[in-house]
N, C-alpha and C. Protein backbone atom coordinates (compact mmCIF):
# COMPACT_ATOMS: atom_id res chain seq x y z
N UNK A 1 -3.71 -6.10 31.17
CA UNK A 1 -3.50 -4.78 30.03
C UNK A 1 -3.87 -3.71 30.23
N UNK A 2 -2.81 -2.65 30.44
CA UNK A 2 -3.10 -1.26 30.65
C UNK A 2 -2.90 -0.05 29.73
N UNK A 3 -3.89 1.20 29.85
CA UNK A 3 -3.28 2.10 28.81
C UNK A 3 -3.77 3.17 29.79
N UNK A 4 -2.28 4.00 29.31
CA UNK A 4 -2.33 5.12 30.19
C UNK A 4 -2.37 4.95 31.83
N UNK A 5 -1.77 3.95 32.20
CA UNK A 5 -1.93 2.99 33.45
C UNK A 5 -3.00 2.94 34.33
N UNK A 6 -4.00 2.49 33.34
CA UNK A 6 -5.34 2.36 33.44
C UNK A 6 -5.69 1.03 33.35
N UNK A 7 -6.31 0.14 34.09
CA UNK A 7 -6.19 -1.36 33.72
C UNK A 7 -7.40 -1.04 32.60
N UNK A 8 -7.56 -2.12 31.22
CA UNK A 8 -8.50 -2.17 30.55
C UNK A 8 -9.93 -3.02 31.31
N UNK A 9 -9.66 -3.90 31.63
CA UNK A 9 -10.62 -4.88 32.19
C UNK A 9 -10.28 -4.81 34.01
N UNK A 10 -11.10 -4.92 34.72
CA UNK A 10 -11.66 -5.25 36.27
C UNK A 10 -12.48 -6.61 36.11
N UNK A 11 -12.43 -7.07 37.44
CA UNK A 11 -13.35 -8.01 37.62
C UNK A 11 -14.55 -7.76 38.23
N UNK A 12 -14.52 -6.19 38.53
CA UNK A 12 -15.74 -5.59 39.30
C UNK A 12 -17.08 -5.06 37.90
N UNK A 13 -15.87 -5.17 36.84
CA UNK A 13 -17.74 -5.01 35.46
C UNK A 13 -18.62 -6.17 35.80
N UNK A 14 -18.49 -6.90 36.27
CA UNK A 14 -19.20 -8.06 36.01
C UNK A 14 -20.37 -8.03 36.98
N UNK A 15 -19.66 -7.88 38.33
CA UNK A 15 -20.28 -6.88 39.67
C UNK A 15 -21.26 -5.90 39.20
N UNK A 16 -20.98 -4.89 38.34
CA UNK A 16 -20.98 -4.02 38.23
C UNK A 16 -22.78 -4.62 37.19
N UNK A 17 -22.52 -4.98 36.27
CA UNK A 17 -23.20 -5.58 35.52
C UNK A 17 -24.71 -6.16 35.99
N UNK A 18 -24.03 -7.28 36.49
CA UNK A 18 -25.29 -7.88 37.29
C UNK A 18 -26.15 -6.81 38.47
N UNK A 19 -25.35 -5.86 39.20
CA UNK A 19 -26.20 -5.07 40.20
C UNK A 19 -27.17 -4.12 39.11
N UNK A 20 -26.38 -3.37 38.33
CA UNK A 20 -27.18 -2.70 37.04
C UNK A 20 -28.43 -3.64 36.55
N UNK A 21 -28.18 -4.85 36.14
CA UNK A 21 -29.62 -5.35 36.06
C UNK A 21 -30.66 -5.20 36.96
N UNK A 22 -29.96 -5.68 38.13
CA UNK A 22 -31.08 -5.66 39.26
C UNK A 22 -31.76 -4.84 39.57
N UNK A 23 -31.15 -3.42 39.43
CA UNK A 23 -30.97 -1.81 39.29
C UNK A 23 -32.51 -1.97 38.67
N UNK A 24 -31.98 -1.37 37.17
CA UNK A 24 -33.26 -1.69 36.28
C UNK A 24 -34.32 -2.31 36.29
N UNK A 25 -34.36 -3.99 36.67
CA UNK A 25 -35.45 -4.78 36.71
C UNK A 25 -36.33 -4.14 38.19
N UNK A 26 -35.25 -3.89 39.34
CA UNK A 26 -36.39 -3.43 40.21
C UNK A 26 -37.07 -1.91 39.21
N UNK A 27 -36.64 -1.01 39.37
CA UNK A 27 -37.21 0.16 38.97
C UNK A 27 -37.79 -0.14 37.57
N UNK A 28 -38.45 -0.62 37.05
CA UNK A 28 -39.27 -1.10 35.62
C UNK A 28 -40.45 -1.77 36.78
N UNK A 29 -40.33 -2.61 37.49
CA UNK A 29 -41.27 -2.85 38.11
C UNK A 29 -42.10 -2.04 38.83
N UNK A 30 -41.15 -1.07 39.98
CA UNK A 30 -41.85 -0.18 40.53
C UNK A 30 -42.32 0.91 39.62
N UNK A 31 -41.70 1.24 38.38
CA UNK A 31 -42.52 2.79 38.17
C UNK A 31 -43.37 1.87 36.56
N UNK A 32 -43.23 1.33 36.05
CA UNK A 32 -44.15 1.02 34.76
C UNK A 32 -45.21 -0.40 35.40
N UNK A 33 -45.24 -0.99 36.34
CA UNK A 33 -46.41 -1.81 36.62
C UNK A 33 -46.63 -1.38 37.50
N UNK A 34 -46.33 -0.25 38.46
CA UNK A 34 -47.05 0.47 40.33
C UNK A 34 -47.27 1.44 39.95
N UNK A 35 -46.25 2.44 39.48
CA UNK A 35 -46.67 3.93 39.30
C UNK A 35 -47.70 4.19 38.11
N UNK A 36 -47.15 4.13 36.80
CA UNK A 36 -48.19 3.94 35.78
C UNK A 36 -49.15 3.09 35.56
N UNK A 37 -48.79 2.10 36.66
CA UNK A 37 -51.04 1.33 36.18
C UNK A 37 -51.42 2.09 36.61
N UNK A 38 -51.55 2.78 37.92
CA UNK A 38 -52.22 3.67 38.74
C UNK A 38 -52.69 5.32 38.06
N UNK A 39 -51.36 5.75 37.58
CA UNK A 39 -51.69 6.94 37.23
C UNK A 39 -51.76 7.35 35.79
N UNK A 40 -51.26 6.50 35.03
CA UNK A 40 -51.26 6.54 33.24
C UNK A 40 -50.68 7.84 33.17
N UNK A 41 -49.47 8.35 33.47
CA UNK A 41 -49.24 9.10 32.66
C UNK A 41 -47.64 8.92 32.71
N UNK A 42 -46.84 9.60 31.40
CA UNK A 42 -45.73 9.22 31.07
C UNK A 42 -44.99 10.23 31.56
N UNK A 43 -45.24 11.72 31.98
CA UNK A 43 -44.29 12.85 32.07
C UNK A 43 -43.05 12.29 32.88
N UNK A 44 -43.17 11.93 34.07
CA UNK A 44 -42.04 11.21 34.68
C UNK A 44 -41.18 10.00 34.32
N UNK A 45 -41.76 9.14 33.50
CA UNK A 45 -41.38 8.09 33.06
C UNK A 45 -39.58 7.85 32.96
N UNK A 46 -39.12 8.83 31.91
CA UNK A 46 -38.06 8.75 31.14
C UNK A 46 -37.17 9.73 32.19
N UNK A 47 -37.67 10.67 33.52
CA UNK A 47 -36.65 10.79 34.46
C UNK A 47 -36.48 9.75 35.53
N UNK A 48 -37.96 8.95 35.86
CA UNK A 48 -37.26 7.97 36.78
C UNK A 48 -36.22 7.03 36.39
N UNK A 49 -36.69 7.08 35.03
CA UNK A 49 -35.36 5.80 34.25
C UNK A 49 -33.99 6.40 34.55
N UNK A 50 -33.60 7.98 34.31
CA UNK A 50 -32.71 8.41 34.12
C UNK A 50 -31.80 8.77 35.54
N UNK A 51 -32.58 9.03 36.29
CA UNK A 51 -32.47 9.02 37.68
C UNK A 51 -31.57 7.95 38.17
N UNK A 52 -32.27 7.17 38.01
CA UNK A 52 -31.86 5.38 38.63
C UNK A 52 -30.91 5.23 37.92
N UNK A 53 -30.40 5.17 36.60
CA UNK A 53 -29.06 5.34 35.84
C UNK A 53 -27.87 5.81 36.17
N UNK A 54 -28.13 7.14 36.24
CA UNK A 54 -27.29 8.52 36.71
C UNK A 54 -26.69 8.08 38.03
N UNK A 55 -27.63 7.72 39.22
CA UNK A 55 -27.10 7.58 40.36
C UNK A 55 -26.54 6.59 40.77
N UNK A 56 -26.91 5.34 40.25
CA UNK A 56 -26.45 4.02 40.07
C UNK A 56 -24.83 4.02 39.61
N UNK A 57 -24.65 4.79 38.35
CA UNK A 57 -22.97 4.71 38.34
C UNK A 57 -22.27 5.54 39.32
N UNK A 58 -23.23 6.67 39.55
CA UNK A 58 -22.30 7.80 40.39
C UNK A 58 -21.88 7.01 41.70
N UNK A 59 -22.71 6.28 42.33
CA UNK A 59 -22.45 5.97 43.41
C UNK A 59 -21.68 5.08 43.24
N UNK A 60 -21.88 3.81 42.30
CA UNK A 60 -20.75 2.75 42.01
C UNK A 60 -18.93 3.09 41.91
N UNK A 61 -19.13 4.37 41.14
CA UNK A 61 -17.61 5.14 41.06
C UNK A 61 -17.23 5.78 42.00
N UNK A 62 -17.75 6.27 42.79
CA UNK A 62 -17.79 6.78 44.13
C UNK A 62 -17.04 5.75 45.21
N UNK A 63 -17.59 4.68 44.70
CA UNK A 63 -17.45 3.39 45.84
C UNK A 63 -16.04 3.02 45.18
N UNK A 64 -15.99 2.80 44.06
CA UNK A 64 -14.39 1.99 43.34
C UNK A 64 -13.62 3.23 43.39
N UNK A 65 -13.65 4.50 43.92
CA UNK A 65 -12.48 5.83 43.79
C UNK A 65 -12.07 5.95 45.03
N UNK A 66 -12.90 5.33 45.90
CA UNK A 66 -12.63 5.49 47.64
C UNK A 66 -12.40 6.76 48.12
N UNK A 67 -13.00 7.83 47.22
CA UNK A 67 -13.16 8.99 47.55
C UNK A 67 -12.58 9.60 49.23
N UNK A 68 -12.26 10.56 49.18
CA UNK A 68 -12.08 10.93 51.11
C UNK A 68 -13.34 11.49 51.20
N UNK A 69 -14.25 11.26 52.22
CA UNK A 69 -14.98 11.92 52.99
C UNK A 69 -15.50 13.28 52.71
N UNK A 70 -14.55 14.26 52.77
CA UNK A 70 -14.89 15.80 52.58
C UNK A 70 -15.14 15.51 50.91
N UNK A 71 -14.20 15.05 50.51
CA UNK A 71 -14.65 15.25 48.63
C UNK A 71 -15.84 14.89 48.47
N UNK A 72 -16.07 13.38 48.75
CA UNK A 72 -17.45 13.03 48.73
C UNK A 72 -18.94 13.44 49.02
N UNK A 73 -18.24 14.51 49.77
CA UNK A 73 -19.63 14.96 50.89
C UNK A 73 -19.46 16.35 50.40
N UNK A 74 -18.73 16.99 49.75
CA UNK A 74 -18.72 18.19 48.68
C UNK A 74 -19.24 17.98 47.28
N UNK A 75 -18.82 17.01 46.59
CA UNK A 75 -19.99 16.30 45.70
C UNK A 75 -21.28 16.02 45.40
N UNK A 76 -21.53 15.81 47.02
CA UNK A 76 -23.08 15.47 46.97
C UNK A 76 -23.67 16.67 47.12
N UNK A 77 -23.42 17.45 47.99
CA UNK A 77 -23.39 18.91 48.14
C UNK A 77 -23.85 19.65 46.72
N UNK A 78 -22.90 19.28 45.80
CA UNK A 78 -23.00 20.17 44.37
C UNK A 78 -24.70 19.54 43.60
N UNK A 79 -24.76 18.14 44.27
CA UNK A 79 -25.48 17.40 43.07
C UNK A 79 -27.00 17.82 44.38
N UNK A 80 -26.90 18.07 45.54
CA UNK A 80 -28.06 18.42 46.13
C UNK A 80 -28.67 20.11 45.86
N UNK A 81 -27.55 20.75 45.54
CA UNK A 81 -27.94 22.18 44.94
C UNK A 81 -28.73 22.35 43.88
N UNK A 82 -28.54 21.12 42.93
CA UNK A 82 -29.16 20.94 41.61
C UNK A 82 -30.66 20.66 41.99
N UNK A 83 -31.45 21.73 41.18
CA UNK A 83 -33.22 21.00 41.34
C UNK A 83 -33.72 20.88 39.74
N UNK A 84 -34.56 20.92 39.83
CA UNK A 84 -34.96 20.89 38.34
C UNK A 84 -36.09 22.08 38.28
N UNK A 85 -36.13 22.41 37.29
CA UNK A 85 -36.03 24.26 36.65
C UNK A 85 -37.60 23.63 35.96
N UNK A 86 -38.40 23.36 36.50
CA UNK A 86 -39.42 22.95 35.10
C UNK A 86 -40.80 22.89 36.42
N UNK A 87 -42.22 22.95 36.00
CA UNK A 87 -43.30 22.80 36.91
C UNK A 87 -42.47 22.09 38.00
N UNK A 88 -43.72 22.40 39.20
CA UNK A 88 -43.26 21.83 40.80
C UNK A 88 -44.19 20.09 40.55
N UNK A 89 -43.18 19.30 40.81
CA UNK A 89 -43.54 17.69 40.88
C UNK A 89 -44.48 17.40 41.75
N UNK A 90 -45.42 17.36 42.02
CA UNK A 90 -46.42 16.64 42.47
C UNK A 90 -45.57 15.44 44.03
N UNK A 91 -46.74 15.36 45.14
CA UNK A 91 -45.80 14.85 46.07
C UNK A 91 -45.78 13.17 45.65
N UNK A 92 -46.82 12.73 45.21
CA UNK A 92 -46.68 11.24 44.98
C UNK A 92 -45.61 11.10 43.80
N UNK A 93 -45.27 12.01 42.54
CA UNK A 93 -44.01 11.59 41.78
C UNK A 93 -42.64 11.79 42.70
N UNK A 94 -42.70 12.84 43.64
CA UNK A 94 -41.54 13.26 44.08
C UNK A 94 -41.39 12.00 45.36
N UNK A 95 -42.20 11.50 45.66
CA UNK A 95 -41.67 10.40 46.55
C UNK A 95 -41.32 9.34 45.95
N UNK A 96 -41.91 8.72 44.74
CA UNK A 96 -41.76 7.82 43.81
C UNK A 96 -40.21 7.56 43.59
N UNK A 97 -39.68 9.22 43.01
CA UNK A 97 -38.69 9.83 42.55
C UNK A 97 -37.55 9.65 43.76
N UNK A 98 -38.17 9.65 44.97
CA UNK A 98 -36.89 9.03 46.35
C UNK A 98 -36.92 7.61 46.45
N UNK A 99 -37.83 7.26 45.98
CA UNK A 99 -37.78 5.62 45.92
C UNK A 99 -36.83 5.11 44.99
N UNK A 100 -36.88 5.89 43.91
CA UNK A 100 -36.07 5.37 43.04
C UNK A 100 -34.60 5.85 42.89
N UNK A 101 -34.07 6.91 43.82
CA UNK A 101 -32.90 6.90 44.41
C UNK A 101 -32.28 5.92 45.26
N UNK A 102 -33.23 5.77 46.33
CA UNK A 102 -32.83 4.72 47.29
C UNK A 102 -32.45 2.98 46.48
N UNK A 103 -33.21 3.01 45.79
CA UNK A 103 -33.00 1.66 44.76
C UNK A 103 -31.85 1.64 44.35
N UNK A 104 -31.45 2.49 43.83
CA UNK A 104 -30.30 2.77 42.72
C UNK A 104 -29.17 2.53 43.67
N UNK A 105 -29.23 3.63 44.97
CA UNK A 105 -27.58 3.75 45.92
C UNK A 105 -27.75 2.34 46.52
N UNK A 106 -28.66 1.81 47.11
CA UNK A 106 -28.74 0.52 47.83
C UNK A 106 -27.43 -0.44 46.78
N UNK A 107 -28.31 -0.43 45.67
CA UNK A 107 -27.87 -1.30 44.71
C UNK A 107 -26.70 -1.32 44.20
N UNK A 108 -25.83 -0.19 44.10
CA UNK A 108 -24.78 0.04 44.14
C UNK A 108 -23.42 0.14 45.07
N UNK A 109 -24.17 0.32 46.29
CA UNK A 109 -23.41 0.71 47.01
C UNK A 109 -23.15 -0.37 48.34
N UNK A 110 -23.85 -1.65 48.09
CA UNK A 110 -23.68 -2.65 48.67
C UNK A 110 -22.61 -3.07 48.70
N UNK A 111 -22.15 -4.00 49.99
CA UNK A 111 -20.60 -4.63 49.91
C UNK A 111 -20.83 -6.04 49.85
N UNK A 112 -19.38 -6.85 50.15
CA UNK A 112 -19.75 -8.09 50.47
C UNK A 112 -20.00 -8.19 51.60
N UNK A 113 -20.49 -7.48 52.84
CA UNK A 113 -21.21 -7.47 54.23
C UNK A 113 -22.99 -7.73 54.31
N UNK A 114 -23.20 -7.65 52.61
CA UNK A 114 -24.78 -7.46 52.76
C UNK A 114 -24.80 -8.83 51.42
N UNK A 115 -25.62 -10.03 52.02
CA UNK A 115 -25.87 -11.02 51.39
C UNK A 115 -26.54 -10.56 49.91
N UNK A 116 -26.81 -11.67 49.15
CA UNK A 116 -27.65 -11.53 47.76
C UNK A 116 -29.11 -11.76 47.88
N UNK A 117 -29.19 -12.71 49.48
CA UNK A 117 -30.87 -12.71 49.86
C UNK A 117 -30.70 -11.31 50.69
N UNK A 118 -29.83 -11.12 51.21
CA UNK A 118 -31.03 -9.56 51.48
C UNK A 118 -30.90 -8.42 51.11
N UNK A 119 -30.13 -8.28 49.65
CA UNK A 119 -30.03 -7.34 48.36
C UNK A 119 -31.72 -7.89 47.82
N UNK A 120 -32.04 -8.58 47.74
CA UNK A 120 -33.24 -9.32 47.02
C UNK A 120 -33.98 -9.20 47.69
N UNK A 121 -34.36 -8.91 49.28
CA UNK A 121 -35.13 -8.59 50.30
C UNK A 121 -35.66 -7.23 50.68
N UNK A 122 -34.36 -6.46 50.36
CA UNK A 122 -34.46 -5.21 50.25
C UNK A 122 -35.47 -4.53 49.23
N UNK A 123 -34.91 -4.84 47.87
CA UNK A 123 -35.28 -4.39 46.42
C UNK A 123 -36.88 -5.02 46.24
N UNK A 124 -37.33 -6.12 46.97
CA UNK A 124 -38.62 -6.58 46.53
C UNK A 124 -39.61 -5.94 47.95
N UNK A 125 -39.32 -5.63 49.28
CA UNK A 125 -39.90 -4.37 50.08
C UNK A 125 -39.66 -3.38 49.15
N UNK A 126 -38.79 -2.46 48.57
CA UNK A 126 -39.10 -1.25 47.68
C UNK A 126 -40.09 -1.52 46.93
N UNK A 127 -40.49 -2.64 46.17
CA UNK A 127 -41.76 -2.42 45.31
C UNK A 127 -42.71 -3.36 45.88
N UNK A 128 -42.66 -4.07 46.95
CA UNK A 128 -44.19 -4.54 47.65
C UNK A 128 -44.73 -3.52 48.47
N UNK A 129 -44.12 -2.40 48.93
CA UNK A 129 -44.73 -1.90 49.63
C UNK A 129 -45.12 -0.71 49.14
N UNK A 130 -44.87 0.05 48.09
CA UNK A 130 -45.79 0.58 47.07
C UNK A 130 -46.93 0.21 46.65
N UNK A 131 -46.49 -1.07 45.75
CA UNK A 131 -48.24 -1.85 45.66
C UNK A 131 -49.03 -1.97 46.42
N UNK A 132 -48.40 -2.25 47.66
CA UNK A 132 -49.37 -2.69 48.82
C UNK A 132 -50.46 -1.03 49.13
N UNK A 133 -49.66 0.03 49.31
CA UNK A 133 -50.36 1.17 49.55
C UNK A 133 -51.21 1.99 48.51
N UNK A 134 -50.81 1.28 47.36
CA UNK A 134 -51.84 1.77 45.75
C UNK A 134 -52.61 1.20 45.87
N UNK A 135 -52.70 0.02 46.42
CA UNK A 135 -53.68 -1.38 46.60
C UNK A 135 -55.23 -0.49 47.80
N UNK A 136 -54.47 -0.47 48.40
CA UNK A 136 -55.50 0.36 49.41
C UNK A 136 -56.75 1.41 48.71
N UNK A 137 -58.06 1.33 49.22
CA UNK A 137 -58.89 2.11 48.79
C UNK A 137 -58.66 3.58 48.84
N UNK A 138 -58.38 4.21 50.00
CA UNK A 138 -58.40 5.47 50.54
C UNK A 138 -56.74 6.03 50.22
N UNK A 139 -56.26 5.35 49.23
CA UNK A 139 -54.61 5.82 49.28
C UNK A 139 -54.70 6.02 47.44
N UNK A 140 -55.83 5.30 46.91
CA UNK A 140 -55.68 5.40 45.55
C UNK A 140 -56.04 6.72 44.76
N UNK A 141 -55.29 7.19 43.69
CA UNK A 141 -55.27 8.93 42.82
C UNK A 141 -56.49 8.57 42.54
N UNK A 142 -57.08 10.28 42.67
CA UNK A 142 -58.30 10.85 42.18
C UNK A 142 -58.15 11.65 41.57
N UNK A 143 -58.51 11.97 40.15
CA UNK A 143 -58.37 13.00 39.27
C UNK A 143 -59.57 13.97 39.14
N UNK A 144 -59.71 15.33 39.09
CA UNK A 144 -61.00 15.61 38.88
C UNK A 144 -60.95 16.74 37.40
N UNK A 145 -62.42 16.42 37.15
CA UNK A 145 -62.69 17.08 35.86
C UNK A 145 -63.92 18.14 35.79
N UNK A 146 -63.45 19.51 35.55
CA UNK A 146 -64.37 20.29 35.93
C UNK A 146 -65.36 20.30 34.52
N UNK A 147 -66.47 20.79 34.84
CA UNK A 147 -67.68 20.31 33.78
C UNK A 147 -68.52 21.12 33.65
N UNK A 148 -69.14 22.11 32.81
CA UNK A 148 -69.83 23.05 32.69
C UNK A 148 -71.22 22.59 32.30
N UNK A 149 -72.41 22.11 32.61
CA UNK A 149 -73.60 21.16 31.88
C UNK A 149 -74.89 22.16 32.23
N UNK A 150 -75.39 21.88 31.11
CA UNK A 150 -76.41 22.97 30.62
C UNK A 150 -77.89 21.87 31.00
N UNK A 151 -77.75 20.52 31.41
CA UNK A 151 -79.10 19.88 31.76
C UNK A 151 -79.45 20.20 32.87
N UNK A 152 -79.64 21.34 33.50
CA UNK A 152 -79.66 21.96 34.76
C UNK A 152 -81.03 21.35 35.48
N UNK A 153 -82.00 20.51 34.58
CA UNK A 153 -83.44 20.15 35.66
C UNK A 153 -82.47 18.54 36.22
N UNK A 154 -81.71 17.98 35.51
CA UNK A 154 -80.93 16.64 36.46
C UNK A 154 -80.16 17.12 37.70
N UNK A 155 -80.32 18.31 38.23
CA UNK A 155 -79.99 18.50 39.34
C UNK A 155 -80.50 18.04 40.41
N UNK A 156 -81.76 17.97 40.13
CA UNK A 156 -82.90 17.82 41.20
C UNK A 156 -82.44 16.37 42.16
N UNK A 157 -82.75 16.22 43.02
CA UNK A 157 -82.26 15.10 43.64
C UNK A 157 -83.10 13.71 43.44
N UNK A 158 -84.38 13.84 42.99
CA UNK A 158 -84.83 12.43 42.37
C UNK A 158 -84.18 11.99 40.82
N UNK A 159 -83.11 13.16 40.46
CA UNK A 159 -82.86 12.74 38.64
C UNK A 159 -81.38 12.82 38.73
N UNK A 160 -80.72 12.21 40.06
CA UNK A 160 -79.14 12.22 40.13
C UNK A 160 -78.84 11.17 39.42
N UNK A 161 -79.80 10.10 39.78
CA UNK A 161 -79.10 8.98 38.84
C UNK A 161 -78.79 8.92 37.17
N UNK A 162 -79.77 10.01 36.51
CA UNK A 162 -80.11 10.19 35.38
C UNK A 162 -79.04 11.21 35.05
N UNK A 163 -78.54 12.04 36.18
CA UNK A 163 -77.48 13.06 36.21
C UNK A 163 -76.18 11.82 35.51
N UNK A 164 -76.06 10.98 36.52
CA UNK A 164 -74.48 10.30 36.52
C UNK A 164 -74.35 9.77 34.97
N UNK A 165 -75.62 8.83 35.04
CA UNK A 165 -75.89 8.23 33.48
C UNK A 165 -75.11 8.94 32.10
N UNK A 166 -75.93 10.11 32.47
CA UNK A 166 -75.53 11.38 31.36
C UNK A 166 -74.38 11.80 31.31
N UNK A 167 -73.98 11.98 32.68
CA UNK A 167 -72.24 12.51 32.74
C UNK A 167 -71.57 11.22 32.36
N UNK A 168 -71.58 10.07 32.21
CA UNK A 168 -71.05 8.85 31.91
C UNK A 168 -70.97 8.69 30.58
N UNK A 169 -72.40 8.54 30.12
CA UNK A 169 -72.22 8.32 28.42
C UNK A 169 -71.03 9.64 28.01
N UNK A 170 -72.03 10.56 28.22
CA UNK A 170 -71.14 11.71 27.21
C UNK A 170 -69.51 12.19 28.04
N UNK A 171 -69.30 11.79 28.51
CA UNK A 171 -67.97 11.89 28.78
C UNK A 171 -66.99 10.83 28.55
N UNK A 172 -67.64 9.44 28.37
CA UNK A 172 -66.80 8.43 28.44
C UNK A 172 -66.19 7.90 29.87
N UNK A 173 -66.15 8.50 30.99
CA UNK A 173 -65.42 8.18 31.92
C UNK A 173 -66.60 7.32 33.10
N UNK A 174 -65.86 6.62 33.62
CA UNK A 174 -66.51 5.85 34.79
C UNK A 174 -65.84 6.74 36.22
N UNK A 175 -67.14 7.04 36.40
CA UNK A 175 -67.12 8.34 37.41
C UNK A 175 -67.06 7.50 39.47
N UNK A 176 -66.52 8.10 39.62
CA UNK A 176 -66.72 7.67 41.27
C UNK A 176 -67.54 8.27 41.99
N UNK A 177 -67.20 9.83 41.98
CA UNK A 177 -68.19 10.60 42.57
C UNK A 177 -68.43 11.82 41.73
N UNK A 178 -69.62 12.87 42.03
CA UNK A 178 -69.44 14.35 41.40
C UNK A 178 -69.61 15.26 42.80
N UNK A 179 -69.60 16.52 42.38
CA UNK A 179 -70.04 17.40 43.47
C UNK A 179 -70.30 18.67 42.36
N UNK A 180 -71.24 19.24 42.88
CA UNK A 180 -72.60 20.45 42.04
C UNK A 180 -72.03 21.48 43.09
N UNK A 181 -71.40 22.74 41.99
CA UNK A 181 -70.53 23.91 41.91
C UNK A 181 -72.22 24.90 41.87
N UNK A 182 -71.13 25.85 41.48
CA UNK A 182 -72.00 26.69 41.00
C UNK A 182 -72.94 26.72 39.99
N UNK A 183 -74.51 27.36 40.48
CA UNK A 183 -75.62 27.51 39.60
C UNK A 183 -76.08 28.81 39.18
N UNK A 184 -75.46 28.71 37.57
CA UNK A 184 -76.62 30.02 37.31
C UNK A 184 -77.27 29.25 36.47
N UNK A 185 -78.75 29.92 36.94
CA UNK A 185 -80.03 30.13 36.45
C UNK A 185 -80.62 30.86 35.47
N UNK A 186 -79.31 31.92 34.85
CA UNK A 186 -79.59 33.03 33.89
C UNK A 186 -79.54 32.39 32.72
N UNK A 187 -78.37 31.11 33.35
CA UNK A 187 -78.19 30.65 31.58
C UNK A 187 -78.22 29.39 31.19
N UNK A 188 -78.62 28.81 32.57
CA UNK A 188 -79.28 27.15 32.92
C UNK A 188 -78.33 26.42 32.41
N UNK A 189 -76.88 26.96 33.85
CA UNK A 189 -75.83 25.70 33.60
C UNK A 189 -75.62 25.66 35.21
N UNK A 190 -74.42 24.75 35.17
CA UNK A 190 -74.34 24.30 36.39
C UNK A 190 -72.57 23.56 36.78
N UNK A 191 -71.63 23.93 37.63
CA UNK A 191 -70.61 23.50 36.92
C UNK A 191 -70.30 22.06 38.24
N UNK A 192 -70.12 21.46 37.60
CA UNK A 192 -69.74 19.97 38.10
C UNK A 192 -68.48 19.44 38.33
N UNK A 193 -68.28 18.73 39.32
CA UNK A 193 -66.63 18.49 39.13
C UNK A 193 -66.70 17.37 39.28
N UNK A 194 -66.11 16.48 38.48
CA UNK A 194 -66.64 14.77 38.55
C UNK A 194 -64.97 14.00 38.90
N UNK A 195 -64.86 13.19 39.82
CA UNK A 195 -63.72 12.26 40.11
C UNK A 195 -64.07 11.23 39.55
N UNK A 196 -62.56 10.58 39.37
CA UNK A 196 -63.00 9.30 38.60
C UNK A 196 -61.42 8.60 39.00
N UNK A 197 -60.94 7.91 39.08
CA UNK A 197 -59.76 6.63 39.58
C UNK A 197 -58.99 6.64 37.87
N UNK A 198 -58.32 6.62 37.06
CA UNK A 198 -57.42 6.65 35.77
C UNK A 198 -57.10 5.59 35.70
N UNK A 199 -57.11 4.42 36.58
CA UNK A 199 -56.43 2.95 36.17
C UNK A 199 -58.03 2.08 35.76
N UNK A 200 -58.98 2.69 36.24
CA UNK A 200 -60.48 2.16 36.04
C UNK A 200 -61.21 2.07 34.76
N UNK A 201 -60.32 3.28 33.97
CA UNK A 201 -61.35 4.02 32.68
C UNK A 201 -60.69 2.80 31.59
N UNK A 202 -61.31 2.51 30.95
CA UNK A 202 -61.16 1.70 29.73
C UNK A 202 -60.09 2.57 28.55
N UNK A 203 -59.79 1.02 28.26
CA UNK A 203 -58.37 1.89 26.91
C UNK A 203 -58.65 1.69 25.72
N UNK A 204 -59.00 2.64 24.67
CA UNK A 204 -59.03 2.33 23.50
C UNK A 204 -58.25 2.26 22.44
N UNK A 205 -58.63 1.63 21.44
CA UNK A 205 -57.25 2.09 20.11
C UNK A 205 -57.56 3.37 19.94
N UNK A 206 -56.64 4.01 19.46
CA UNK A 206 -56.71 5.14 18.69
C UNK A 206 -55.93 5.28 17.50
N UNK A 207 -55.12 4.18 16.88
CA UNK A 207 -54.01 4.27 16.21
C UNK A 207 -53.05 5.00 16.17
N UNK A 208 -52.37 4.63 17.37
CA UNK A 208 -51.37 4.96 18.14
C UNK A 208 -51.00 6.67 18.34
N UNK A 209 -52.32 7.25 18.52
CA UNK A 209 -52.45 8.73 18.77
C UNK A 209 -52.61 8.70 20.30
N UNK A 210 -51.56 9.66 21.06
CA UNK A 210 -52.22 9.81 22.69
C UNK A 210 -52.83 11.04 22.45
N UNK A 211 -54.10 10.55 23.67
CA UNK A 211 -55.06 11.36 24.05
C UNK A 211 -55.15 11.48 25.14
N UNK A 212 -54.40 12.92 25.65
CA UNK A 212 -54.46 13.16 27.20
C UNK A 212 -55.53 13.91 27.79
N UNK A 213 -55.94 14.10 28.97
CA UNK A 213 -56.71 14.80 29.65
C UNK A 213 -56.12 15.77 30.71
N UNK A 214 -56.11 17.14 30.72
CA UNK A 214 -55.62 18.00 31.55
C UNK A 214 -56.68 18.14 32.78
N UNK A 215 -56.13 17.84 33.62
CA UNK A 215 -57.12 17.38 34.71
C UNK A 215 -56.32 18.10 35.95
N UNK A 216 -57.00 17.86 37.21
CA UNK A 216 -56.38 18.22 38.43
C UNK A 216 -56.34 16.46 39.54
N UNK A 217 -55.36 16.31 39.92
CA UNK A 217 -55.18 15.47 41.10
C UNK A 217 -55.46 15.91 42.52
N UNK A 218 -56.43 15.19 42.79
CA UNK A 218 -56.77 15.39 43.91
C UNK A 218 -55.92 14.25 45.52
């Protein structure tokens, strides 16, 4: 059956559906269970998913249309000029964005020369390697909180244990390390940089109300 000389159904629809399911499943593992588990940030989740969907369908369509090389390169050049007109994306998030693009391109453009086992192996690599790197202690994402602290007597070396206990009690954060900054003896305050890992912090029930922190990533 054709409508305006265009087939209503093609057997490639099943192939596209299977590859799309694989694409979304792998992106979900990467974004939800690796990236979000470590960063606890939802700022880029929507962008990652939609980027995976858009790139997949664009590449699959270009493959079906069998565009000439010049036209295809011109099309990709147009997309290459586009960029996000928002705040600068951090390096870690930019890396995950490139991984998402790579997953979508591989799953959409692989042909019969690439076996299902090879495709599965590549997708496992896309998720296993970031998960391994994220688990390494020296690569864990660390956040920094600037605190103006009034109990200046606790900055003495013999009181550092009490200082850390007081900071953790009052901020509710499980701290990894702290740095003492500017000391103002006139006002009896000291600036402290408190460092912590977001995935190590306790999750409390807030009745569905999201509470975030404006912090700096290290």
